[in-house]
């Protein structure tokens, strides 16, 4: 533990003057230059007798006080008969004003410094624990999908998406080949006559070369119509197996393709 000792010393001439004024229990505005000068010089003599270091600023203040005291001791010139103008009155000032102003300002900062020292001592008696890591208790931040992107990047992505969208909404007329059920019946009969040796064909063989879904559906409807007329029969060897189309061997009527296909 460090022990501090307060010696009878002053930080400067203003500190000494303020001590003398407080010791005399008088107001700064009411100081007597003659008395304060005598006390100040007596203290300087005591410092020299004790072989204390008297800096130049103490001597400068002593010279200033002596100059002010001499002005008060010298007889004042007789008052002029005519009243001096305003500028001359403004030039006549109390020699104590500058010293009083400095003393008041010094006392203000001295009191502030004393208050700061007291607050520092009070704070030194408070012991705080180290800051704890509260990161696990923070709320999870939602993921930002556009983090790191600028407005220019977003605008570029928007223009690219709009170009793709414009391409998708483009309408093109594609002609398609239409085939009727009647025409498809004729194709199936022709296939049985020229390609089937035993009068049997798989349904997958009938639609093997077809790439259009509509043609496959028409082929299925044509097979159903032939079954209705009794020209073909269909069966499966197993569940979800191949559909076997068997020609019945009947001759095709001349008016088969002239009648309307329907239920």
C-alpha atoms as a PDB file:
ATOM      1  CA  UNK A   1       0.000   0.000   0.000  1.00  0.00           C
ATOM      2  CA  UNK A   2       1.401   3.386  -1.053  1.00  0.00           C
ATOM      3  CA  UNK A   3       1.456   6.140   1.587  1.00  0.00           C
ATOM      4  CA  UNK A   4       1.155   9.734   0.310  1.00  0.00           C
ATOM      5  CA  UNK A   5       2.518  12.673   2.312  1.00  0.00           C
ATOM      6  CA  UNK A   6       1.329  16.243   1.701  1.00  0.00           C
ATOM      7  CA  UNK A   7       4.223  18.683   2.095  1.00  0.00           C
ATOM      8  CA  UNK A   8       3.847  22.413   2.642  1.00  0.00           C
ATOM      9  CA  UNK A   9       4.578  23.292  -0.954  1.00  0.00           C
ATOM     10  CA  UNK A  10       2.703  25.024  -3.707  1.00  0.00           C
ATOM     11  CA  UNK A  11       2.422  24.331  -7.395  1.00  0.00           C
ATOM     12  CA  UNK A  12       2.928  27.952  -8.376  1.00  0.00           C
ATOM     13  CA  UNK A  13       2.615  31.584  -7.306  1.00  0.00           C
ATOM     14  CA  UNK A  14      -1.161  31.612  -7.835  1.00  0.00           C
ATOM     15  CA  UNK A  15      -1.484  28.593  -5.564  1.00  0.00           C
ATOM     16  CA  UNK A  16       0.503  30.446  -2.899  1.00  0.00           C
ATOM     17  CA  UNK A  17      -1.575  33.621  -3.237  1.00  0.00           C
ATOM     18  CA  UNK A  18      -4.797  31.610  -3.018  1.00  0.00           C
ATOM     19  CA  UNK A  19      -3.496  29.942   0.160  1.00  0.00           C
ATOM     20  CA  UNK A  20      -2.689  33.294   1.731  1.00  0.00           C
ATOM     21  CA  UNK A  21      -6.140  34.678   0.867  1.00  0.00           C
ATOM     22  CA  UNK A  22      -7.914  31.646   2.316  1.00  0.00           C
ATOM     23  CA  UNK A  23      -5.736  31.802   5.416  1.00  0.00           C
ATOM     24  CA  UNK A  24      -6.678  35.471   5.908  1.00  0.00           C
ATOM     25  CA  UNK A  25     -10.356  34.517   5.392  1.00  0.00           C
ATOM     26  CA  UNK A  26     -11.058  37.331   2.978  1.00  0.00           C
ATOM     27  CA  UNK A  27     -12.729  37.413  -0.424  1.00  0.00           C
ATOM     28  CA  UNK A  28     -10.607  37.479  -3.543  1.00  0.00           C
ATOM     29  CA  UNK A  29     -12.317  40.683  -4.672  1.00  0.00           C
ATOM     30  CA  UNK A  30     -11.408  42.351  -1.358  1.00  0.00           C
ATOM     31  CA  UNK A  31      -7.682  41.587  -1.252  1.00  0.00           C
ATOM     32  CA  UNK A  32      -5.307  44.271  -0.145  1.00  0.00           C
ATOM     33  CA  UNK A  33      -2.306  44.503  -2.451  1.00  0.00           C
ATOM     34  CA  UNK A  34      -0.126  45.891   0.329  1.00  0.00           C
ATOM     35  CA  UNK A  35      -0.928  43.116   2.813  1.00  0.00           C
ATOM     36  CA  UNK A  36      -0.837  40.277   0.314  1.00  0.00           C
ATOM     37  CA  UNK A  37       2.504  41.515  -1.032  1.00  0.00           C
ATOM     38  CA  UNK A  38       4.048  41.573   2.434  1.00  0.00           C
ATOM     39  CA  UNK A  39       2.786  38.058   3.191  1.00  0.00           C
ATOM     40  CA  UNK A  40       3.994  36.775  -0.155  1.00  0.00           C
ATOM     41  CA  UNK A  41       7.509  38.211   0.324  1.00  0.00           C
ATOM     42  CA  UNK A  42       7.640  36.836   3.865  1.00  0.00           C
ATOM     43  CA  UNK A  43       6.856  33.360   2.571  1.00  0.00           C
ATOM     44  CA  UNK A  44       9.568  33.649  -0.088  1.00  0.00           C
ATOM     45  CA  UNK A  45      12.087  34.635   2.624  1.00  0.00           C
ATOM     46  CA  UNK A  46      11.020  31.584   4.640  1.00  0.00           C
ATOM     47  CA  UNK A  47      11.503  29.350   1.594  1.00  0.00           C
ATOM     48  CA  UNK A  48      15.019  30.692   1.071  1.00  0.00           C
ATOM     49  CA  UNK A  49      15.897  30.155   4.741  1.00  0.00           C
ATOM     50  CA  UNK A  50      14.741  26.535   4.443  1.00  0.00           C
ATOM     51  CA  UNK A  51      16.836  26.255   1.280  1.00  0.00           C
ATOM     52  CA  UNK A  52      13.811  25.361  -0.777  1.00  0.00           C
ATOM     53  CA  UNK A  53      13.947  25.799  -4.535  1.00  0.00           C
ATOM     54  CA  UNK A  54      12.352  29.126  -5.444  1.00  0.00           C
ATOM     55  CA  UNK A  55      11.558  29.056  -9.146  1.00  0.00           C
ATOM     56  CA  UNK A  56      11.549  32.078 -11.408  1.00  0.00           C
ATOM     57  CA  UNK A  57       7.762  32.218 -11.627  1.00  0.00           C
ATOM     58  CA  UNK A  58       7.582  32.969  -7.875  1.00  0.00           C
ATOM     59  CA  UNK A  59      10.033  35.812  -8.370  1.00  0.00           C
ATOM     60  CA  UNK A  60       8.076  37.159 -11.344  1.00  0.00           C
ATOM     61  CA  UNK A  61       4.909  37.258  -9.239  1.00  0.00           C
ATOM     62  CA  UNK A  62       6.827  39.007  -6.440  1.00  0.00           C
ATOM     63  CA  UNK A  63       7.983  41.682  -8.862  1.00  0.00           C
ATOM     64  CA  UNK A  64       4.431  42.088 -10.140  1.00  0.00           C
ATOM     65  CA  UNK A  65       3.059  42.536  -6.616  1.00  0.00           C
ATOM     66  CA  UNK A  66       5.743  45.070  -5.751  1.00  0.00           C
ATOM     67  CA  UNK A  67       4.921  47.038  -8.891  1.00  0.00           C
ATOM     68  CA  UNK A  68       1.245  47.054  -7.998  1.00  0.00           C
ATOM     69  CA  UNK A  69       2.004  48.047  -4.381  1.00  0.00           C
ATOM     70  CA  UNK A  70       4.200  50.924  -5.528  1.00  0.00           C
ATOM     71  CA  UNK A  71       1.379  52.271  -7.679  1.00  0.00           C
ATOM     72  CA  UNK A  72      -0.862  52.353  -4.637  1.00  0.00           C
ATOM     73  CA  UNK A  73       1.821  54.013  -2.462  1.00  0.00           C
ATOM     74  CA  UNK A  74       2.671  56.769  -4.945  1.00  0.00           C
ATOM     75  CA  UNK A  75       0.610  59.936  -4.577  1.00  0.00           C
ATOM     76  CA  UNK A  76      -2.132  60.283  -7.098  1.00  0.00           C
ATOM     77  CA  UNK A  77      -1.914  63.211  -9.560  1.00  0.00           C
ATOM     78  CA  UNK A  78      -4.357  66.039  -8.975  1.00  0.00           C
ATOM     79  CA  UNK A  79      -7.701  65.611 -10.668  1.00  0.00           C
ATOM     80  CA  UNK A  80      -8.096  67.735 -13.812  1.00  0.00           C
ATOM     81  CA  UNK A  81     -10.594  70.531 -13.792  1.00  0.00           C
ATOM     82  CA  UNK A  82     -12.385  69.303 -16.883  1.00  0.00           C
ATOM     83  CA  UNK A  83     -14.103  65.950 -16.911  1.00  0.00           C
ATOM     84  CA  UNK A  84     -12.139  63.487 -18.993  1.00  0.00           C
ATOM     85  CA  UNK A  85     -13.822  61.979 -22.017  1.00  0.00           C
ATOM     86  CA  UNK A  86     -15.053  58.372 -22.191  1.00  0.00           C
ATOM     87  CA  UNK A  87     -11.860  57.016 -23.776  1.00  0.00           C
ATOM     88  CA  UNK A  88      -9.684  58.363 -20.948  1.00  0.00           C
ATOM     89  CA  UNK A  89     -12.050  56.914 -18.366  1.00  0.00           C
ATOM     90  CA  UNK A  90     -11.796  53.535 -20.063  1.00  0.00           C
ATOM     91  CA  UNK A  91      -8.007  53.636 -19.812  1.00  0.00           C
ATOM     92  CA  UNK A  92      -8.036  54.018 -16.036  1.00  0.00           C
ATOM     93  CA  UNK A  93      -8.240  50.496 -14.589  1.00  0.00           C
ATOM     94  CA  UNK A  94      -7.763  48.917 -11.201  1.00  0.00           C
ATOM     95  CA  UNK A  95      -4.360  47.133 -11.249  1.00  0.00           C
ATOM     96  CA  UNK A  96      -5.906  44.322  -9.193  1.00  0.00           C
ATOM     97  CA  UNK A  97      -8.424  43.307 -11.857  1.00  0.00           C
ATOM     98  CA  UNK A  98      -6.042  41.124 -13.876  1.00  0.00           C
ATOM     99  CA  UNK A  99      -4.712  39.411 -10.741  1.00  0.00           C
ATOM    100  CA  UNK A 100      -8.225  38.840  -9.356  1.00  0.00           C
ATOM    101  CA  UNK A 101      -9.364  37.331 -12.664  1.00  0.00           C
ATOM    102  CA  UNK A 102      -6.422  34.910 -12.702  1.00  0.00           C
ATOM    103  CA  UNK A 103      -7.023  33.915  -9.072  1.00  0.00           C
ATOM    104  CA  UNK A 104     -10.727  33.216  -9.672  1.00  0.00           C
ATOM    105  CA  UNK A 105      -9.969  31.124 -12.755  1.00  0.00           C
ATOM    106  CA  UNK A 106      -7.188  29.232 -10.950  1.00  0.00           C
ATOM    107  CA  UNK A 107      -9.482  28.452  -8.015  1.00  0.00           C
ATOM    108  CA  UNK A 108     -12.136  27.093 -10.377  1.00  0.00           C
ATOM    109  CA  UNK A 109      -9.716  24.646 -11.994  1.00  0.00           C
ATOM    110  CA  UNK A 110      -8.204  23.717  -8.649  1.00  0.00           C
ATOM    111  CA  UNK A 111     -11.611  22.750  -7.268  1.00  0.00           C
ATOM    112  CA  UNK A 112     -12.356  20.769 -10.431  1.00  0.00           C
ATOM    113  CA  UNK A 113      -9.048  18.920 -10.107  1.00  0.00           C
ATOM    114  CA  UNK A 114      -9.801  18.112  -6.463  1.00  0.00           C
ATOM    115  CA  UNK A 115     -13.229  16.747  -7.435  1.00  0.00           C
ATOM    116  CA  UNK A 116     -11.685  14.563 -10.148  1.00  0.00           C
ATOM    117  CA  UNK A 117      -9.129  13.170  -7.691  1.00  0.00           C
ATOM    118  CA  UNK A 118     -11.929  12.318  -5.277  1.00  0.00           C
ATOM    119  CA  UNK A 119     -13.943  10.576  -8.006  1.00  0.00           C
ATOM    120  CA  UNK A 120     -10.851   8.634  -9.053  1.00  0.00           C
ATOM    121  CA  UNK A 121     -10.340   7.464  -5.467  1.00  0.00           C
ATOM    122  CA  UNK A 122     -14.009   6.416  -5.160  1.00  0.00           C
ATOM    123  CA  UNK A 123     -13.798   4.520  -8.457  1.00  0.00           C
ATOM    124  CA  UNK A 124     -10.609   2.787  -7.341  1.00  0.00           C
ATOM    125  CA  UNK A 125     -12.584   1.200  -4.478  1.00  0.00           C
ATOM    126  CA  UNK A 126     -14.971  -0.491  -6.916  1.00  0.00           C
ATOM    127  CA  UNK A 127     -13.963  -3.878  -8.276  1.00  0.00           C
ATOM    128  CA  UNK A 128     -15.783  -5.249 -11.303  1.00  0.00           C
ATOM    129  CA  UNK A 129     -15.747  -8.725 -12.747  1.00  0.00           C
ATOM    130  CA  UNK A 130     -14.547  -9.422 -16.244  1.00  0.00           C
ATOM    131  CA  UNK A 131     -17.097  -9.217 -19.015  1.00  0.00           C
ATOM    132  CA  UNK A 132     -18.812 -12.546 -19.697  1.00  0.00           C
ATOM    133  CA  UNK A 133     -19.263 -13.964 -23.175  1.00  0.00           C
ATOM    134  CA  UNK A 134     -22.990 -13.612 -23.923  1.00  0.00           C
ATOM    135  CA  UNK A 135     -22.711 -14.725 -27.539  1.00  0.00           C
ATOM    136  CA  UNK A 136     -24.601 -18.027 -26.959  1.00  0.00           C
ATOM    137  CA  UNK A 137     -27.606 -16.063 -25.695  1.00  0.00           C
ATOM    138  CA  UNK A 138     -27.875 -13.820 -28.740  1.00  0.00           C
ATOM    139  CA  UNK A 139     -30.812 -14.388 -31.031  1.00  0.00           C
ATOM    140  CA  UNK A 140     -29.895 -16.254 -34.195  1.00  0.00           C
ATOM    141  CA  UNK A 141     -29.755 -13.950 -37.174  1.00  0.00           C
ATOM    142  CA  UNK A 142     -31.770 -15.134 -40.174  1.00  0.00           C
ATOM    143  CA  UNK A 143     -29.772 -16.000 -43.262  1.00  0.00           C
ATOM    144  CA  UNK A 144     -29.677 -13.189 -45.773  1.00  0.00           C
ATOM    145  CA  UNK A 145     -29.818 -14.677 -49.288  1.00  0.00           C
ATOM    146  CA  UNK A 146     -28.591 -11.448 -50.904  1.00  0.00           C
ATOM    147  CA  UNK A 147     -25.730 -10.792 -48.495  1.00  0.00           C
ATOM    148  CA  UNK A 148     -22.710  -9.394 -50.278  1.00  0.00           C
ATOM    149  CA  UNK A 149     -24.682  -8.381 -53.372  1.00  0.00           C
ATOM    150  CA  UNK A 150     -24.998  -4.817 -54.535  1.00  0.00           C
ATOM    151  CA  UNK A 151     -27.936  -3.080 -56.183  1.00  0.00           C
ATOM    152  CA  UNK A 152     -26.147  -3.389 -59.517  1.00  0.00           C
ATOM    153  CA  UNK A 153     -25.874  -7.186 -59.108  1.00  0.00           C
ATOM    154  CA  UNK A 154     -29.591  -7.460 -58.337  1.00  0.00           C
ATOM    155  CA  UNK A 155     -30.507  -5.309 -61.330  1.00  0.00           C
ATOM    156  CA  UNK A 156     -28.342  -7.486 -63.610  1.00  0.00           C
ATOM    157  CA  UNK A 157     -30.013 -10.666 -62.312  1.00  0.00           C
ATOM    158  CA  UNK A 158     -33.457  -9.113 -62.829  1.00  0.00           C
ATOM    159  CA  UNK A 159     -32.683  -8.209 -66.455  1.00  0.00           C
ATOM    160  CA  UNK A 160     -31.402 -11.752 -67.099  1.00  0.00           C
ATOM    161  CA  UNK A 161     -34.570 -13.301 -65.621  1.00  0.00           C
ATOM    162  CA  UNK A 162     -36.778 -11.002 -67.703  1.00  0.00           C
ATOM    163  CA  UNK A 163     -34.954 -12.046 -70.889  1.00  0.00           C
ATOM    164  CA  UNK A 164     -35.597 -15.722 -70.073  1.00  0.00           C
ATOM    165  CA  UNK A 165     -39.244 -14.997 -69.258  1.00  0.00           C
ATOM    166  CA  UNK A 166     -39.704 -13.176 -72.547  1.00  0.00           C
ATOM    167  CA  UNK A 167     -38.379 -16.253 -74.384  1.00  0.00           C
ATOM    168  CA  UNK A 168     -40.806 -18.557 -72.575  1.00  0.00           C
ATOM    169  CA  UNK A 169     -43.866 -16.479 -73.412  1.00  0.00           C
ATOM    170  CA  UNK A 170     -43.066 -16.503 -77.113  1.00  0.00           C
ATOM    171  CA  UNK A 171     -45.890 -18.201 -79.046  1.00  0.00           C
ATOM    172  CA  UNK A 172     -45.176 -20.207 -82.153  1.00  0.00           C
ATOM    173  CA  UNK A 173     -47.714 -21.918 -84.404  1.00  0.00           C
ATOM    174  CA  UNK A 174     -46.627 -25.505 -85.124  1.00  0.00           C
ATOM    175  CA  UNK A 175     -48.720 -27.379 -87.671  1.00  0.00           C
ATOM    176  CA  UNK A 176     -49.596 -30.950 -86.756  1.00  0.00           C
ATOM    177  CA  UNK A 177     -50.587 -33.901 -88.831  1.00  0.00           C
ATOM    178  CA  UNK A 178     -54.066 -35.066 -87.966  1.00  0.00           C
ATOM    179  CA  UNK A 179     -55.216 -38.669 -88.563  1.00  0.00           C
ATOM    180  CA  UNK A 180     -58.721 -39.993 -88.205  1.00  0.00           C
ATOM    181  CA  UNK A 181     -59.828 -43.279 -86.651  1.00  0.00           C
ATOM    182  CA  UNK A 182     -61.060 -44.482 -90.035  1.00  0.00           C
ATOM    183  CA  UNK A 183     -57.677 -43.912 -91.630  1.00  0.00           C
ATOM    184  CA  UNK A 184     -55.928 -45.674 -88.753  1.00  0.00           C
ATOM    185  CA  UNK A 185     -58.273 -48.713 -89.095  1.00  0.00           C
ATOM    186  CA  UNK A 186     -57.254 -48.997 -92.724  1.00  0.00           C
ATOM    187  CA  UNK A 187     -53.559 -48.859 -91.735  1.00  0.00           C
ATOM    188  CA  UNK A 188     -54.034 -51.637 -89.137  1.00  0.00           C
ATOM    189  CA  UNK A 189     -55.871 -53.924 -91.614  1.00  0.00           C
ATOM    190  CA  UNK A 190     -53.159 -53.297 -94.181  1.00  0.00           C
ATOM    191  CA  UNK A 191     -50.515 -54.189 -91.590  1.00  0.00           C
ATOM    192  CA  UNK A 192     -52.202 -57.490 -90.717  1.00  0.00           C
ATOM    193  CA  UNK A 193     -52.515 -58.452 -94.405  1.00  0.00           C
ATOM    194  CA  UNK A 194     -48.918 -57.773 -95.365  1.00  0.00           C
ATOM    195  CA  UNK A 195     -46.804 -58.122 -92.198  1.00  0.00           C
ATOM    196  CA  UNK A 196     -48.534 -60.669 -89.992  1.00  0.00           C
ATOM    197  CA  UNK A 197     -47.956 -64.340 -90.860  1.00  0.00           C
ATOM    198  CA  UNK A 198     -50.060 -65.896 -88.095  1.00  0.00           C
ATOM    199  CA  UNK A 199     -52.640 -63.139 -87.668  1.00  0.00           C
ATOM    200  CA  UNK A 200     -51.153 -61.974 -84.379  1.00  0.00           C
ATOM    201  CA  UNK A 201     -49.397 -58.696 -83.505  1.00  0.00           C
ATOM    202  CA  UNK A 202     -48.464 -56.889 -80.331  1.00  0.00           C
ATOM    203  CA  UNK A 203     -50.046 -53.536 -79.687  1.00  0.00           C
ATOM    204  CA  UNK A 204     -46.545 -52.130 -79.149  1.00  0.00           C
ATOM    205  CA  UNK A 205     -45.740 -53.187 -82.751  1.00  0.00           C
ATOM    206  CA  UNK A 206     -48.691 -51.214 -84.056  1.00  0.00           C
ATOM    207  CA  UNK A 207     -47.477 -48.018 -82.310  1.00  0.00           C
ATOM    208  CA  UNK A 208     -43.742 -48.719 -82.486  1.00  0.00           C
ATOM    209  CA  UNK A 209     -42.989 -46.141 -85.177  1.00  0.00           C
ATOM    210  CA  UNK A 210     -45.381 -43.514 -83.879  1.00  0.00           C
ATOM    211  CA  UNK A 211     -43.872 -40.489 -82.096  1.00  0.00           C
ATOM    212  CA  UNK A 212     -46.987 -38.411 -81.605  1.00  0.00           C
ATOM    213  CA  UNK A 213     -49.161 -39.110 -78.572  1.00  0.00           C
ATOM    214  CA  UNK A 214     -52.269 -38.257 -80.568  1.00  0.00           C
ATOM    215  CA  UNK A 215     -51.457 -40.999 -83.105  1.00  0.00           C
ATOM    216  CA  UNK A 216     -51.061 -43.556 -80.309  1.00  0.00           C
ATOM    217  CA  UNK A 217     -54.474 -42.622 -78.888  1.00  0.00           C
ATOM    218  CA  UNK A 218     -56.061 -42.836 -82.350  1.00  0.00           C
ATOM    219  CA  UNK A 219     -54.471 -46.277 -82.839  1.00  0.00           C
ATOM    220  CA  UNK A 220     -55.954 -47.470 -79.543  1.00  0.00           C
ATOM    221  CA  UNK A 221     -59.399 -46.193 -80.565  1.00  0.00           C
ATOM    222  CA  UNK A 222     -59.057 -47.937 -83.935  1.00  0.00           C
ATOM    223  CA  UNK A 223     -58.278 -51.252 -82.212  1.00  0.00           C
ATOM    224  CA  UNK A 224     -61.349 -50.821 -79.981  1.00  0.00           C
ATOM    225  CA  UNK A 225     -63.496 -50.141 -83.049  1.00  0.00           C
ATOM    226  CA  UNK A 226     -62.157 -53.289 -84.766  1.00  0.00           C
ATOM    227  CA  UNK A 227     -62.976 -55.287 -81.624  1.00  0.00           C
ATOM    228  CA  UNK A 228     -66.493 -53.840 -81.715  1.00  0.00           C
ATOM    229  CA  UNK A 229     -66.881 -54.999 -85.335  1.00  0.00           C
ATOM    230  CA  UNK A 230     -65.548 -58.435 -84.390  1.00  0.00           C
ATOM    231  CA  UNK A 231     -62.523 -58.242 -86.668  1.00  0.00           C
ATOM    232  CA  UNK A 232     -59.900 -58.528 -83.908  1.00  0.00           C
ATOM    233  CA  UNK A 233     -59.657 -59.854 -80.364  1.00  0.00           C
ATOM    234  CA  UNK A 234     -57.206 -58.770 -77.663  1.00  0.00           C
ATOM    235  CA  UNK A 235     -55.834 -60.487 -74.596  1.00  0.00           C
ATOM    236  CA  UNK A 236     -52.920 -60.292 -72.097  1.00  0.00           C
ATOM    237  CA  UNK A 237     -50.898 -63.227 -70.854  1.00  0.00           C
ATOM    238  CA  UNK A 238     -50.291 -61.553 -67.499  1.00  0.00           C
ATOM    239  CA  UNK A 239     -51.244 -58.431 -65.585  1.00  0.00           C
ATOM    240  CA  UNK A 240     -49.779 -55.306 -67.234  1.00  0.00           C
ATOM    241  CA  UNK A 241     -48.282 -57.523 -69.892  1.00  0.00           C
ATOM    242  CA  UNK A 242     -48.163 -56.938 -73.636  1.00  0.00           C
ATOM    243  CA  UNK A 243     -51.534 -56.582 -75.388  1.00  0.00           C
ATOM    244  CA  UNK A 244     -51.802 -59.215 -78.125  1.00  0.00           C
ATOM    245  CA  UNK A 245     -54.039 -58.257 -81.067  1.00  0.00           C
ATOM    246  CA  UNK A 246     -55.378 -61.305 -82.997  1.00  0.00           C
ATOM    247  CA  UNK A 247     -56.988 -61.015 -86.427  1.00  0.00           C
ATOM    248  CA  UNK A 248     -60.248 -62.970 -86.578  1.00  0.00           C
ATOM    249  CA  UNK A 249     -59.860 -63.888 -90.207  1.00  0.00           C
ATOM    250  CA  UNK A 250     -63.145 -62.354 -91.287  1.00  0.00           C
ATOM    251  CA  UNK A 251     -63.376 -60.565 -94.558  1.00  0.00           C
ATOM    252  CA  UNK A 252     -63.661 -56.836 -94.351  1.00  0.00           C
ATOM    253  CA  UNK A 253     -67.028 -55.531 -95.406  1.00  0.00           C
ATOM    254  CA  UNK A 254     -67.050 -53.101 -98.270  1.00  0.00           C
ATOM    255  CA  UNK A 255     -68.884 -50.433 -96.303  1.00  0.00           C
ATOM    256  CA  UNK A 256     -66.724 -50.568 -93.200  1.00  0.00           C
ATOM    257  CA  UNK A 257     -64.837 -47.376 -93.944  1.00  0.00           C
ATOM    258  CA  UNK A 258     -67.911 -45.536 -95.243  1.00  0.00           C
ATOM    259  CA  UNK A 259     -69.945 -45.699 -92.057  1.00  0.00           C
ATOM    260  CA  UNK A 260     -69.450 -43.238 -89.244  1.00  0.00           C
ATOM    261  CA  UNK A 261     -67.239 -44.448 -86.424  1.00  0.00           C
ATOM    262  CA  UNK A 262     -69.080 -44.113 -83.116  1.00  0.00           C
ATOM    263  CA  UNK A 263     -70.491 -45.947 -80.141  1.00  0.00           C
END
